[in-house]
C-alpha atoms as a PDB file:
ATOM      1  CA  MET A   1       0.052  -0.048  -0.021  1.00  0.00           C
ATOM      2  CA  LYS A   2       1.201   3.443  -0.920  1.00  0.00           C
ATOM      3  CA  ILE A   3       0.882   6.342   1.589  1.00  0.00           C
ATOM      4  CA  VAL A   4       0.597   9.871   0.577  1.00  0.00           C
ATOM      5  CA  ASP A   5       4.151  11.650   0.960  1.00  0.00           C
ATOM      6  CA  SER A   6       4.315  13.975   4.027  1.00  0.00           C
ATOM      7  CA  LYS A   7       6.718  15.573   6.246  1.00  0.00           C
ATOM      8  CA  VAL A   8       7.707  14.554   9.852  1.00  0.00           C
ATOM      9  CA  THR A   9       9.155  16.978  12.304  1.00  0.00           C
ATOM     10  CA  THR A  10      11.629  15.745  15.122  1.00  0.00           C
ATOM     11  CA  LYS A  11      11.688  16.843  18.704  1.00  0.00           C
ATOM     12  CA  ARG A  12      14.562  19.286  17.681  1.00  0.00           C
ATOM     13  CA  GLY A  13      12.458  20.699  14.744  1.00  0.00           C
ATOM     14  CA  GLU A  14      14.253  19.018  11.883  1.00  0.00           C
ATOM     15  CA  ASP A  15      11.977  18.155   8.994  1.00  0.00           C
ATOM     16  CA  PHE A  16      12.271  14.611   7.053  1.00  0.00           C
ATOM     17  CA  ILE A  17      10.219  13.020   4.305  1.00  0.00           C
ATOM     18  CA  LEU A  18       7.773  10.275   5.065  1.00  0.00           C
ATOM     19  CA  ARG A  19       6.947   8.296   2.210  1.00  0.00           C
ATOM     20  CA  THR A  20       6.612   4.409   0.842  1.00  0.00           C
ATOM     21  CA  PRO A  21       9.867   3.119  -0.626  1.00  0.00           C
ATOM     22  CA  SER A  22       9.662   2.260  -4.367  1.00  0.00           C
ATOM     23  CA  ARG A  23      11.268  -0.240  -6.289  1.00  0.00           C
ATOM     24  CA  ASP A  24      13.922   2.483  -7.062  1.00  0.00           C
ATOM     25  CA  ASP A  25      14.974   2.508  -3.374  1.00  0.00           C
ATOM     26  CA  ALA A  26      15.933  -1.345  -3.073  1.00  0.00           C
ATOM     27  CA  GLU A  27      19.616  -0.406  -3.010  1.00  0.00           C
ATOM     28  CA  LYS A  28      18.975   2.317   0.031  1.00  0.00           C
ATOM     29  CA  VAL A  29      16.454  -0.297   1.948  1.00  0.00           C
ATOM     30  CA  LEU A  30      19.232  -3.080   1.751  1.00  0.00           C
ATOM     31  CA  ALA A  31      22.037  -0.663   2.849  1.00  0.00           C
ATOM     32  CA  PHE A  32      19.684   0.505   5.710  1.00  0.00           C
ATOM     33  CA  ARG A  33      18.989  -2.898   6.831  1.00  0.00           C
ATOM     34  CA  ARG A  34      22.721  -3.894   6.795  1.00  0.00           C
ATOM     35  CA  ASP A  35      23.830  -0.814   8.506  1.00  0.00           C
ATOM     36  CA  VAL A  36      21.265  -1.040  11.230  1.00  0.00           C
ATOM     37  CA  ALA A  37      21.653  -4.347  11.939  1.00  0.00           C
ATOM     38  CA  GLY A  38      25.254  -3.541  12.971  1.00  0.00           C
ATOM     39  CA  GLU A  39      24.139  -0.821  15.272  1.00  0.00           C
ATOM     40  CA  THR A  40      22.477  -2.776  18.151  1.00  0.00           C
ATOM     41  CA  ILE A  41      21.765  -6.162  19.204  1.00  0.00           C
ATOM     42  CA  TYR A  42      18.125  -5.901  19.262  1.00  0.00           C
ATOM     43  CA  LEU A  43      17.406  -6.771  15.669  1.00  0.00           C
ATOM     44  CA  THR A  44      16.815 -10.536  14.772  1.00  0.00           C
ATOM     45  CA  ARG A  45      19.779 -10.399  12.124  1.00  0.00           C
ATOM     46  CA  TYR A  46      23.346  -9.886  11.750  1.00  0.00           C
ATOM     47  CA  PRO A  47      24.308  -7.717   8.726  1.00  0.00           C
ATOM     48  CA  TYR A  48      25.951 -10.426   6.865  1.00  0.00           C
ATOM     49  CA  GLU A  49      22.731 -12.574   6.989  1.00  0.00           C
ATOM     50  CA  ILE A  50      20.725  -9.996   4.887  1.00  0.00           C
ATOM     51  CA  GLU A  51      21.321 -11.411   1.677  1.00  0.00           C
ATOM     52  CA  ASN A  52      18.861 -10.423  -0.693  1.00  0.00           C
ATOM     53  CA  SER A  53      19.721  -9.070  -3.958  1.00  0.00           C
ATOM     54  CA  ILE A  54      18.776  -5.709  -5.351  1.00  0.00           C
ATOM     55  CA  GLU A  55      16.572  -7.447  -7.505  1.00  0.00           C
ATOM     56  CA  LYS A  56      14.798  -9.506  -5.083  1.00  0.00           C
ATOM     57  CA  GLU A  57      14.429  -6.574  -2.831  1.00  0.00           C
ATOM     58  CA  ARG A  58      12.881  -4.542  -5.878  1.00  0.00           C
ATOM     59  CA  GLU A  59      10.269  -7.335  -6.001  1.00  0.00           C
ATOM     60  CA  ILE A  60       9.564  -7.204  -2.191  1.00  0.00           C
ATOM     61  CA  LEU A  61       9.246  -3.505  -2.221  1.00  0.00           C
ATOM     62  CA  GLY A  62       6.777  -3.628  -5.442  1.00  0.00           C
ATOM     63  CA  ASN A  63       4.855  -6.251  -3.561  1.00  0.00           C
ATOM     64  CA  TYR A  64       4.511  -3.538  -0.456  1.00  0.00           C
ATOM     65  CA  TYR A  65       3.766  -0.664  -2.838  1.00  0.00           C
ATOM     66  CA  ARG A  66       0.803  -2.520  -4.757  1.00  0.00           C
ATOM     67  CA  ALA A  67      -0.805  -4.487  -2.086  1.00  0.00           C
ATOM     68  CA  ASP A  68      -3.794  -3.485   0.051  1.00  0.00           C
ATOM     69  CA  ASN A  69      -3.308  -5.689   3.295  1.00  0.00           C
ATOM     70  CA  LEU A  70       0.663  -4.869   3.629  1.00  0.00           C
ATOM     71  CA  GLY A  71       2.595  -1.769   3.641  1.00  0.00           C
ATOM     72  CA  MET A  72       6.115  -0.014   4.437  1.00  0.00           C
ATOM     73  CA  ILE A  73       6.822   3.530   5.253  1.00  0.00           C
ATOM     74  CA  GLY A  74      10.374   4.917   5.319  1.00  0.00           C
ATOM     75  CA  ILE A  75      11.502   8.269   6.632  1.00  0.00           C
ATOM     76  CA  PHE A  76      14.030   9.913   4.306  1.00  0.00           C
ATOM     77  CA  ASP A  77      16.810  12.281   5.214  1.00  0.00           C
ATOM     78  CA  ASN A  78      17.259  13.649   1.663  1.00  0.00           C
ATOM     79  CA  ASN A  79      17.846  10.109   0.027  1.00  0.00           C
ATOM     80  CA  ARG A  80      19.037   8.653   3.082  1.00  0.00           C
ATOM     81  CA  ILE A  81      16.616   6.034   4.717  1.00  0.00           C
ATOM     82  CA  ILE A  82      16.920   6.784   8.612  1.00  0.00           C
ATOM     83  CA  GLY A  83      13.812   4.745   9.717  1.00  0.00           C
ATOM     84  CA  ILE A  84      11.509   1.900   8.485  1.00  0.00           C
ATOM     85  CA  THR A  85       8.411   0.487   9.540  1.00  0.00           C
ATOM     86  CA  SER A  86       6.199  -1.995   7.989  1.00  0.00           C
ATOM     87  CA  VAL A  87       3.062  -4.031   8.544  1.00  0.00           C
ATOM     88  CA  SER A  88       2.087  -7.378   6.945  1.00  0.00           C
ATOM     89  CA  PRO A  89      -0.359 -10.287   7.579  1.00  0.00           C
ATOM     90  CA  VAL A  90       0.579 -12.948  10.510  1.00  0.00           C
ATOM     91  CA  GLY A  91      -1.391 -15.360   8.182  1.00  0.00           C
ATOM     92  CA  ILE A  92      -3.701 -15.440   5.178  1.00  0.00           C
ATOM     93  CA  CYS A  93      -6.415 -18.239   6.365  1.00  0.00           C
ATOM     94  CA  PHE A  94      -9.467 -16.877   7.659  1.00  0.00           C
ATOM     95  CA  LYS A  95      -8.736 -17.759  11.331  1.00  0.00           C
ATOM     96  CA  MET A  96      -5.684 -15.507  11.182  1.00  0.00           C
ATOM     97  CA  ARG A  97      -6.219 -12.863   8.692  1.00  0.00           C
ATOM     98  CA  HIS A  98      -7.424 -10.265  11.403  1.00  0.00           C
ATOM     99  CA  ARG A  99      -3.856 -10.055  12.599  1.00  0.00           C
ATOM    100  CA  ALA A 100      -0.890  -7.869  11.440  1.00  0.00           C
ATOM    101  CA  SER A 101       2.610  -7.876  12.478  1.00  0.00           C
ATOM    102  CA  ALA A 102       4.873  -4.606  12.605  1.00  0.00           C
ATOM    103  CA  GLU A 103       8.481  -4.103  12.447  1.00  0.00           C
ATOM    104  CA  LEU A 104      10.055  -0.868  13.311  1.00  0.00           C
ATOM    105  CA  VAL A 105      14.018   0.346  13.054  1.00  0.00           C
ATOM    106  CA  VAL A 106      15.482   3.645  13.190  1.00  0.00           C
ATOM    107  CA  ARG A 107      19.212   4.424  12.503  1.00  0.00           C
ATOM    108  CA  LYS A 108      21.281   5.000  15.866  1.00  0.00           C
ATOM    109  CA  GLU A 109      22.203   8.589  15.088  1.00  0.00           C
ATOM    110  CA  TYR A 110      18.658   9.430  15.040  1.00  0.00           C
ATOM    111  CA  TRP A 111      17.481   7.852  18.329  1.00  0.00           C
ATOM    112  CA  ASN A 112      15.677  10.102  20.996  1.00  0.00           C
ATOM    113  CA  LEU A 113      14.130  12.429  18.226  1.00  0.00           C
ATOM    114  CA  GLY A 114      10.573  10.992  18.483  1.00  0.00           C
ATOM    115  CA  LEU A 115      10.955   9.303  14.981  1.00  0.00           C
ATOM    116  CA  GLY A 116      10.429   5.767  16.504  1.00  0.00           C
ATOM    117  CA  ALA A 117       7.186   6.791  18.185  1.00  0.00           C
ATOM    118  CA  HIS A 118       6.192   8.409  14.789  1.00  0.00           C
ATOM    119  CA  LEU A 119       6.826   5.436  12.823  1.00  0.00           C
ATOM    120  CA  LEU A 120       4.758   3.390  15.477  1.00  0.00           C
ATOM    121  CA  ASP A 121       2.008   5.597  15.045  1.00  0.00           C
ATOM    122  CA  GLN A 122       2.201   5.107  11.056  1.00  0.00           C
ATOM    123  CA  ALA A 123       2.236   1.391  11.457  1.00  0.00           C
ATOM    124  CA  ILE A 124      -0.857   1.301  13.499  1.00  0.00           C
ATOM    125  CA  GLU A 125      -2.597   3.807  11.263  1.00  0.00           C
ATOM    126  CA  LEU A 126      -1.516   1.494   8.307  1.00  0.00           C
ATOM    127  CA  ALA A 127      -2.845  -1.677  10.061  1.00  0.00           C
ATOM    128  CA  GLU A 128      -6.244   0.126  10.754  1.00  0.00           C
ATOM    129  CA  ILE A 129      -6.429   1.205   6.919  1.00  0.00           C
ATOM    130  CA  CYS A 130      -5.803  -2.254   5.822  1.00  0.00           C
ATOM    131  CA  GLY A 131      -8.509  -3.508   8.083  1.00  0.00           C
ATOM    132  CA  TYR A 132      -6.554  -5.449  10.560  1.00  0.00           C
ATOM    133  CA  GLU A 133      -7.892  -5.910  14.157  1.00  0.00           C
ATOM    134  CA  ARG A 134      -4.627  -6.719  15.880  1.00  0.00           C
ATOM    135  CA  LEU A 135      -1.313  -5.513  15.619  1.00  0.00           C
ATOM    136  CA  GLU A 136       1.515  -7.653  16.890  1.00  0.00           C
ATOM    137  CA  LEU A 137       5.224  -7.252  17.281  1.00  0.00           C
ATOM    138  CA  SER A 138       8.068  -8.799  19.439  1.00  0.00           C
ATOM    139  CA  VAL A 139      11.092  -7.228  21.209  1.00  0.00           C
ATOM    140  CA  TYR A 140      14.121  -8.257  22.962  1.00  0.00           C
ATOM    141  CA  ALA A 141      13.029  -8.279  26.845  1.00  0.00           C
ATOM    142  CA  ASP A 142      16.000  -6.298  27.827  1.00  0.00           C
ATOM    143  CA  ASN A 143      15.225  -3.454  25.380  1.00  0.00           C
ATOM    144  CA  ALA A 144      13.852  -1.255  27.977  1.00  0.00           C
ATOM    145  CA  ARG A 145      13.577   1.831  25.541  1.00  0.00           C
ATOM    146  CA  ALA A 146      11.226  -0.168  22.808  1.00  0.00           C
ATOM    147  CA  LEU A 147       9.375  -1.667  25.840  1.00  0.00           C
ATOM    148  CA  ARG A 148       8.538   1.774  26.994  1.00  0.00           C
ATOM    149  CA  LEU A 149       7.584   2.987  23.551  1.00  0.00           C
ATOM    150  CA  TYR A 150       5.327   0.035  22.777  1.00  0.00           C
ATOM    151  CA  LYS A 151       3.576   0.220  26.119  1.00  0.00           C
ATOM    152  CA  LYS A 152       3.069   3.903  25.783  1.00  0.00           C
ATOM    153  CA  LYS A 153       1.385   3.435  22.533  1.00  0.00           C
ATOM    154  CA  GLY A 154      -1.165   0.894  23.932  1.00  0.00           C
ATOM    155  CA  PHE A 155       0.696  -2.397  23.247  1.00  0.00           C
ATOM    156  CA  ILE A 156       0.356  -5.171  26.030  1.00  0.00           C
ATOM    157  CA  GLU A 157       2.594  -8.060  26.822  1.00  0.00           C
ATOM    158  CA  CYS A 158       1.133 -11.218  25.899  1.00  0.00           C
ATOM    159  CA  GLY A 159       3.669 -13.762  26.331  1.00  0.00           C
ATOM    160  CA  GLN A 160       7.511 -14.128  26.569  1.00  0.00           C
ATOM    161  CA  VAL A 161       9.921 -16.656  24.817  1.00  0.00           C
ATOM    162  CA  PRO A 162      12.750 -17.849  26.881  1.00  0.00           C
ATOM    163  CA  GLN A 163      16.158 -17.808  25.317  1.00  0.00           C
ATOM    164  CA  ALA A 164      14.618 -16.780  21.868  1.00  0.00           C
ATOM    165  CA  PHE A 165      17.620 -15.288  20.496  1.00  0.00           C
ATOM    166  CA  LYS A 166      21.140 -16.774  20.740  1.00  0.00           C
ATOM    167  CA  MET A 167      24.080 -14.303  20.206  1.00  0.00           C
ATOM    168  CA  MET A 168      27.364 -15.175  18.734  1.00  0.00           C
ATOM    169  CA  ASP A 169      28.872 -15.040  21.976  1.00  0.00           C
ATOM    170  CA  GLY A 170      26.988 -17.717  23.310  1.00  0.00           C
ATOM    171  CA  THR A 171      24.515 -15.580  25.446  1.00  0.00           C
ATOM    172  CA  TYR A 172      20.723 -15.663  24.965  1.00  0.00           C
ATOM    173  CA  HIS A 173      18.246 -12.727  25.004  1.00  0.00           C
ATOM    174  CA  ASP A 174      14.410 -13.617  25.796  1.00  0.00           C
ATOM    175  CA  GLU A 175      11.701 -12.501  23.523  1.00  0.00           C
ATOM    176  CA  ILE A 176       8.436 -10.376  24.497  1.00  0.00           C
ATOM    177  CA  LEU A 177       5.437 -10.723  22.349  1.00  0.00           C
ATOM    178  CA  MET A 178       3.144  -7.692  22.396  1.00  0.00           C
ATOM    179  CA  SER A 179       0.043  -6.873  20.765  1.00  0.00           C
ATOM    180  CA  LYS A 180      -2.595  -3.863  20.338  1.00  0.00           C
ATOM    181  CA  ASN A 181      -6.253  -4.202  19.696  1.00  0.00           C
ATOM    182  CA  LEU A 182      -7.220  -1.840  16.897  1.00  0.00           C
ATOM    183  CA  TRP A 183     -10.961  -2.285  16.636  1.00  0.00           C
ATOM    184  CA  ARG A 184     -13.165   0.626  17.722  1.00  0.00           C
ATOM    185  CA  TYR A 185     -15.778   0.245  20.371  1.00  0.00           C
END
């Protein structure tokens, strides 16, 4: 799903562009994913595990762009992607198609500017537009900053997976599953 391009203003008054990445942004999206995977332990992949070709990424972005049940939104500082959120279905069968999953990531140098909160608001709105009744995400149990944000935006903890993430140094991190009901009363 394509959103209308708009402006997002940070806590410091900086303006950035909010838009749906297109197929032409495939190389930028891949670079962004590899960069941020090396900036924090709180993502599911290491940089070397992001193996899509540019052509495969173009195909994925094209799907996000055209579909009416999923979407991706990026924040751009000129031509550089500094944050991404996406919403996709948990399942396509009847019993699960009311649920969507969200991802959210911001470049470390842009943390603490309110961009994560803005992207999360965008993901919630996108999920509602797509007709989902529940938005879900997961977070490392020790990622206190993310947990605070998700709870502030109305997500509740609905489960925990012990030792869900194994790090290269042999340590483990638990995963917290969170969800937010989207239906209106």
